N, C-alpha and C. Protein backbone atom coordinates (compact mmCIF):
# COMPACT_ATOMS: atom_id res chain seq x y z
N ASN A 1 266.07 118.09 211.82
CA ASN A 1 264.80 117.66 212.40
C ASN A 1 264.65 116.14 212.43
N THR A 2 265.51 115.42 211.76
CA THR A 2 265.36 113.97 211.69
C THR A 2 265.39 113.33 213.07
N ALA A 3 266.35 113.68 213.90
CA ALA A 3 266.50 113.05 215.21
C ALA A 3 265.38 113.41 216.18
N ARG A 4 264.56 114.38 215.83
CA ARG A 4 263.44 114.77 216.69
C ARG A 4 262.21 113.91 216.46
N ARG A 5 262.31 112.95 215.58
CA ARG A 5 261.14 112.14 215.20
C ARG A 5 260.93 110.97 216.16
N LYS A 6 259.69 110.73 216.48
CA LYS A 6 259.30 109.67 217.40
C LYS A 6 259.71 108.28 216.90
N VAL A 7 259.91 108.14 215.62
CA VAL A 7 260.31 106.86 215.05
C VAL A 7 261.61 106.36 215.69
N PHE A 8 262.40 107.26 216.25
CA PHE A 8 263.66 106.89 216.89
C PHE A 8 263.53 106.68 218.40
N GLN A 9 262.34 106.77 218.94
CA GLN A 9 262.12 106.68 220.38
C GLN A 9 262.80 105.44 220.97
N ASP A 10 262.48 104.27 220.46
CA ASP A 10 263.05 103.04 221.00
C ASP A 10 264.52 102.87 220.61
N GLY A 11 264.86 103.29 219.40
CA GLY A 11 266.23 103.16 218.93
C GLY A 11 267.22 103.96 219.76
N PHE A 12 266.84 105.16 220.15
CA PHE A 12 267.72 105.95 221.00
C PHE A 12 267.89 105.29 222.36
N GLY A 13 266.82 104.70 222.88
CA GLY A 13 266.91 103.99 224.15
C GLY A 13 267.92 102.86 224.08
N GLU A 14 267.85 102.11 223.00
CA GLU A 14 268.80 101.00 222.81
C GLU A 14 270.23 101.52 222.60
N ALA A 15 270.37 102.55 221.78
CA ALA A 15 271.69 103.07 221.45
C ALA A 15 272.40 103.68 222.67
N LEU A 16 271.63 104.24 223.58
CA LEU A 16 272.22 104.91 224.74
C LEU A 16 272.22 104.05 226.00
N ALA A 17 271.81 102.81 225.87
CA ALA A 17 271.64 101.93 227.04
C ALA A 17 272.94 101.63 227.78
N LYS A 18 274.08 101.79 227.14
CA LYS A 18 275.35 101.50 227.81
C LYS A 18 276.06 102.76 228.26
N ALA A 19 275.42 103.90 228.13
CA ALA A 19 276.02 105.15 228.59
C ALA A 19 276.05 105.18 230.11
N ASP A 20 277.00 105.92 230.66
CA ASP A 20 277.05 106.08 232.11
C ASP A 20 275.99 107.06 232.58
N VAL A 21 275.74 108.08 231.79
CA VAL A 21 274.72 109.09 232.09
C VAL A 21 274.37 109.79 230.79
N VAL A 22 273.11 110.23 230.66
CA VAL A 22 272.67 110.91 229.44
C VAL A 22 271.97 112.21 229.83
N TYR A 23 272.36 113.29 229.18
CA TYR A 23 271.75 114.60 229.37
C TYR A 23 271.11 115.00 228.05
N PHE A 24 269.89 115.46 228.11
CA PHE A 24 269.23 116.00 226.93
C PHE A 24 268.91 117.46 227.19
N LYS A 25 269.01 118.27 226.14
CA LYS A 25 268.50 119.64 226.21
C LYS A 25 267.10 119.60 225.64
N LYS A 26 266.21 120.30 226.26
CA LYS A 26 264.85 120.39 225.76
C LYS A 26 264.90 120.82 224.29
N SER A 27 264.13 120.16 223.46
CA SER A 27 264.10 120.48 222.03
C SER A 27 263.59 121.89 221.79
N LEU A 28 264.09 122.48 220.73
CA LEU A 28 263.61 123.81 220.35
C LEU A 28 262.14 123.73 219.95
N GLU A 29 261.38 124.68 220.38
CA GLU A 29 259.96 124.77 220.01
C GLU A 29 259.84 125.83 218.93
N LYS A 30 259.25 125.47 217.81
CA LYS A 30 259.07 126.42 216.71
C LYS A 30 257.58 126.55 216.43
N THR A 31 257.11 127.77 216.34
CA THR A 31 255.69 127.97 216.06
C THR A 31 255.32 127.47 214.68
N SER A 32 256.28 127.50 213.78
CA SER A 32 256.01 127.04 212.41
C SER A 32 256.54 125.63 212.18
N ASP A 33 256.62 124.83 213.22
CA ASP A 33 257.19 123.49 213.13
C ASP A 33 256.36 122.62 212.20
N PRO A 34 256.97 122.08 211.14
CA PRO A 34 256.22 121.23 210.22
C PRO A 34 256.02 119.80 210.76
N LEU A 35 256.72 119.45 211.83
CA LEU A 35 256.61 118.11 212.40
C LEU A 35 255.47 118.10 213.43
N PRO A 36 254.41 117.36 213.16
CA PRO A 36 253.28 117.32 214.11
C PRO A 36 253.72 116.82 215.48
N ALA A 37 253.11 117.31 216.52
CA ALA A 37 253.49 116.99 217.90
C ALA A 37 253.47 115.48 218.16
N ASP A 38 252.51 114.77 217.59
CA ASP A 38 252.42 113.32 217.84
C ASP A 38 253.52 112.53 217.14
N GLN A 39 254.32 113.18 216.29
CA GLN A 39 255.42 112.52 215.60
C GLN A 39 256.79 112.92 216.16
N ARG A 40 256.77 113.71 217.23
CA ARG A 40 258.02 114.19 217.82
C ARG A 40 258.52 113.26 218.92
N LEU A 41 259.82 113.14 219.02
CA LEU A 41 260.47 112.39 220.07
C LEU A 41 260.04 112.94 221.42
N ASP A 42 259.73 112.06 222.36
CA ASP A 42 259.34 112.45 223.71
C ASP A 42 260.55 112.23 224.62
N LEU A 43 261.24 113.31 224.96
CA LEU A 43 262.46 113.19 225.76
C LEU A 43 262.19 112.68 227.17
N ASN A 44 261.07 113.05 227.75
CA ASN A 44 260.75 112.54 229.09
C ASN A 44 260.53 111.03 229.05
N GLU A 45 259.85 110.57 228.04
CA GLU A 45 259.64 109.13 227.86
C GLU A 45 260.97 108.42 227.62
N LEU A 46 261.84 109.04 226.84
CA LEU A 46 263.15 108.46 226.58
C LEU A 46 263.97 108.38 227.86
N CYS A 47 263.91 109.41 228.69
CA CYS A 47 264.60 109.38 229.98
C CYS A 47 264.06 108.25 230.85
N ASP A 48 262.74 108.08 230.86
CA ASP A 48 262.14 106.98 231.63
C ASP A 48 262.66 105.64 231.12
N ASN A 49 262.74 105.49 229.80
CA ASN A 49 263.24 104.27 229.18
C ASN A 49 264.67 104.00 229.66
N LEU A 50 265.51 105.02 229.60
CA LEU A 50 266.91 104.85 229.99
C LEU A 50 267.04 104.56 231.48
N ARG A 51 266.30 105.28 232.30
CA ARG A 51 266.36 105.02 233.74
C ARG A 51 265.90 103.60 234.06
N GLY A 52 264.94 103.10 233.30
CA GLY A 52 264.50 101.72 233.46
C GLY A 52 265.59 100.72 233.12
N ARG A 53 266.57 101.15 232.35
CA ARG A 53 267.71 100.31 231.99
C ARG A 53 268.90 100.55 232.92
N GLY A 54 268.69 101.41 233.92
CA GLY A 54 269.75 101.70 234.88
C GLY A 54 270.67 102.83 234.48
N VAL A 55 270.28 103.61 233.47
CA VAL A 55 271.10 104.72 232.99
C VAL A 55 270.48 106.03 233.50
N PRO A 56 271.21 106.78 234.33
CA PRO A 56 270.69 108.08 234.74
C PRO A 56 270.49 108.96 233.50
N ALA A 57 269.33 109.58 233.39
CA ALA A 57 269.02 110.42 232.23
C ALA A 57 268.14 111.58 232.68
N VAL A 58 268.39 112.73 232.11
CA VAL A 58 267.65 113.92 232.51
C VAL A 58 267.53 114.88 231.33
N VAL A 59 266.44 115.64 231.32
CA VAL A 59 266.25 116.72 230.35
C VAL A 59 266.54 118.02 231.08
N ILE A 60 267.44 118.81 230.53
CA ILE A 60 267.81 120.10 231.12
C ILE A 60 267.44 121.17 230.10
N PRO A 61 266.57 122.11 230.48
CA PRO A 61 266.05 123.08 229.51
C PRO A 61 267.08 124.06 228.93
N GLU A 62 268.05 124.49 229.73
CA GLU A 62 268.97 125.54 229.28
C GLU A 62 270.36 124.97 229.01
N VAL A 63 270.99 125.42 227.93
CA VAL A 63 272.31 124.93 227.53
C VAL A 63 273.35 125.19 228.61
N ALA A 64 273.37 126.36 229.20
CA ALA A 64 274.37 126.67 230.22
C ALA A 64 274.24 125.72 231.40
N ASP A 65 273.01 125.41 231.80
CA ASP A 65 272.79 124.48 232.91
C ASP A 65 273.22 123.07 232.54
N LEU A 66 272.96 122.68 231.30
CA LEU A 66 273.39 121.37 230.82
C LEU A 66 274.91 121.27 230.86
N ALA A 67 275.59 122.27 230.35
CA ALA A 67 277.05 122.27 230.35
C ALA A 67 277.60 122.21 231.77
N THR A 68 277.01 122.96 232.68
CA THR A 68 277.43 122.94 234.07
C THR A 68 277.28 121.55 234.67
N ALA A 69 276.18 120.89 234.40
CA ALA A 69 275.94 119.54 234.93
C ALA A 69 276.94 118.54 234.36
N VAL A 70 277.20 118.61 233.07
CA VAL A 70 278.14 117.69 232.44
C VAL A 70 279.54 117.90 233.02
N VAL A 71 279.97 119.14 233.13
CA VAL A 71 281.30 119.44 233.67
C VAL A 71 281.40 118.95 235.12
N ALA A 72 280.37 119.14 235.91
CA ALA A 72 280.40 118.72 237.31
C ALA A 72 280.52 117.20 237.44
N ASP A 73 279.93 116.46 236.51
CA ASP A 73 279.95 115.00 236.57
C ASP A 73 281.12 114.36 235.84
N ALA A 74 281.79 115.12 234.99
CA ALA A 74 282.86 114.57 234.16
C ALA A 74 284.07 114.18 235.00
N ARG A 75 284.69 113.09 234.59
CA ARG A 75 285.90 112.60 235.23
C ARG A 75 286.97 112.40 234.16
N ALA A 76 288.21 112.31 234.59
CA ALA A 76 289.32 112.10 233.66
C ALA A 76 289.03 110.88 232.79
N ASP A 77 289.36 110.99 231.53
CA ASP A 77 289.21 109.92 230.54
C ASP A 77 287.77 109.65 230.12
N ASP A 78 286.81 110.45 230.56
CA ASP A 78 285.43 110.31 230.08
C ASP A 78 285.35 110.69 228.61
N VAL A 79 284.43 110.10 227.93
CA VAL A 79 284.10 110.47 226.55
C VAL A 79 282.77 111.19 226.61
N ILE A 80 282.73 112.40 226.09
CA ILE A 80 281.51 113.20 226.08
C ILE A 80 281.07 113.35 224.63
N LEU A 81 279.91 112.83 224.32
CA LEU A 81 279.36 112.90 222.97
C LEU A 81 278.28 113.98 222.94
N VAL A 82 278.40 114.90 222.02
CA VAL A 82 277.42 115.98 221.85
C VAL A 82 276.80 115.83 220.48
N MET A 83 275.49 115.71 220.44
CA MET A 83 274.79 115.57 219.15
C MET A 83 273.84 116.74 218.98
N SER A 84 273.95 117.39 217.83
CA SER A 84 273.07 118.50 217.52
C SER A 84 273.12 118.76 216.02
N GLY A 85 272.03 119.27 215.50
CA GLY A 85 271.98 119.63 214.10
C GLY A 85 272.55 121.01 213.82
N ARG A 86 272.94 121.70 214.87
CA ARG A 86 273.47 123.06 214.72
C ARG A 86 274.65 123.23 215.66
N ASN A 87 274.87 124.47 216.07
CA ASN A 87 275.98 124.75 216.98
C ASN A 87 275.60 124.48 218.43
N PHE A 88 274.39 124.05 218.68
CA PHE A 88 273.91 123.66 220.01
C PHE A 88 274.06 124.82 220.99
N GLU A 89 273.78 126.02 220.50
CA GLU A 89 273.78 127.24 221.31
C GLU A 89 275.09 127.44 222.08
N GLY A 90 276.20 127.04 221.46
CA GLY A 90 277.51 127.29 222.05
C GLY A 90 277.93 126.29 223.12
N VAL A 91 277.26 125.16 223.24
CA VAL A 91 277.58 124.21 224.30
C VAL A 91 279.00 123.69 224.22
N HIS A 92 279.54 123.55 223.03
CA HIS A 92 280.90 123.03 222.89
C HIS A 92 281.90 123.94 223.61
N ASP A 93 281.80 125.25 223.37
CA ASP A 93 282.71 126.19 224.04
C ASP A 93 282.48 126.21 225.54
N LEU A 94 281.22 126.12 225.98
CA LEU A 94 280.93 126.09 227.42
C LEU A 94 281.54 124.84 228.06
N LEU A 95 281.41 123.70 227.41
CA LEU A 95 281.99 122.47 227.94
C LEU A 95 283.52 122.55 228.00
N LEU A 96 284.12 123.00 226.91
CA LEU A 96 285.59 123.08 226.88
C LEU A 96 286.12 124.04 227.93
N ALA A 97 285.47 125.19 228.08
CA ALA A 97 285.91 126.16 229.09
C ALA A 97 285.72 125.59 230.50
N GLY A 98 284.59 124.96 230.72
CA GLY A 98 284.33 124.39 232.04
C GLY A 98 285.28 123.27 232.38
N LEU A 99 285.57 122.40 231.42
CA LEU A 99 286.48 121.29 231.66
C LEU A 99 287.92 121.79 231.87
N ALA A 100 288.30 122.83 231.14
CA ALA A 100 289.65 123.39 231.29
C ALA A 100 289.84 124.03 232.66
N ALA A 101 288.76 124.52 233.25
CA ALA A 101 288.83 125.20 234.54
C ALA A 101 288.85 124.23 235.72
N THR A 102 288.61 122.93 235.44
CA THR A 102 288.56 121.98 236.55
C THR A 102 289.91 121.34 236.81
């Protein structure tokens, strides 16, 4: 839950400012979420921040759609960084399978 905190809003913008493109998956919504809504990272705002720096950025709600988009945009020698506190709903296997098929 640490990376979901709004305290990182500006820091993520700075850290990702040199990326060629950034894809975010919509954060998991938990009914019992202990993190108040006003303290959560705003991915739409972060995308606006990145686009303002010239970095294409988008929030994609579903993992399969995110993997499809990444595979479609990937080129030889690209570095793809995946950050998640869990298994990211199987995105690693989806990416590897999609990249292997291209």
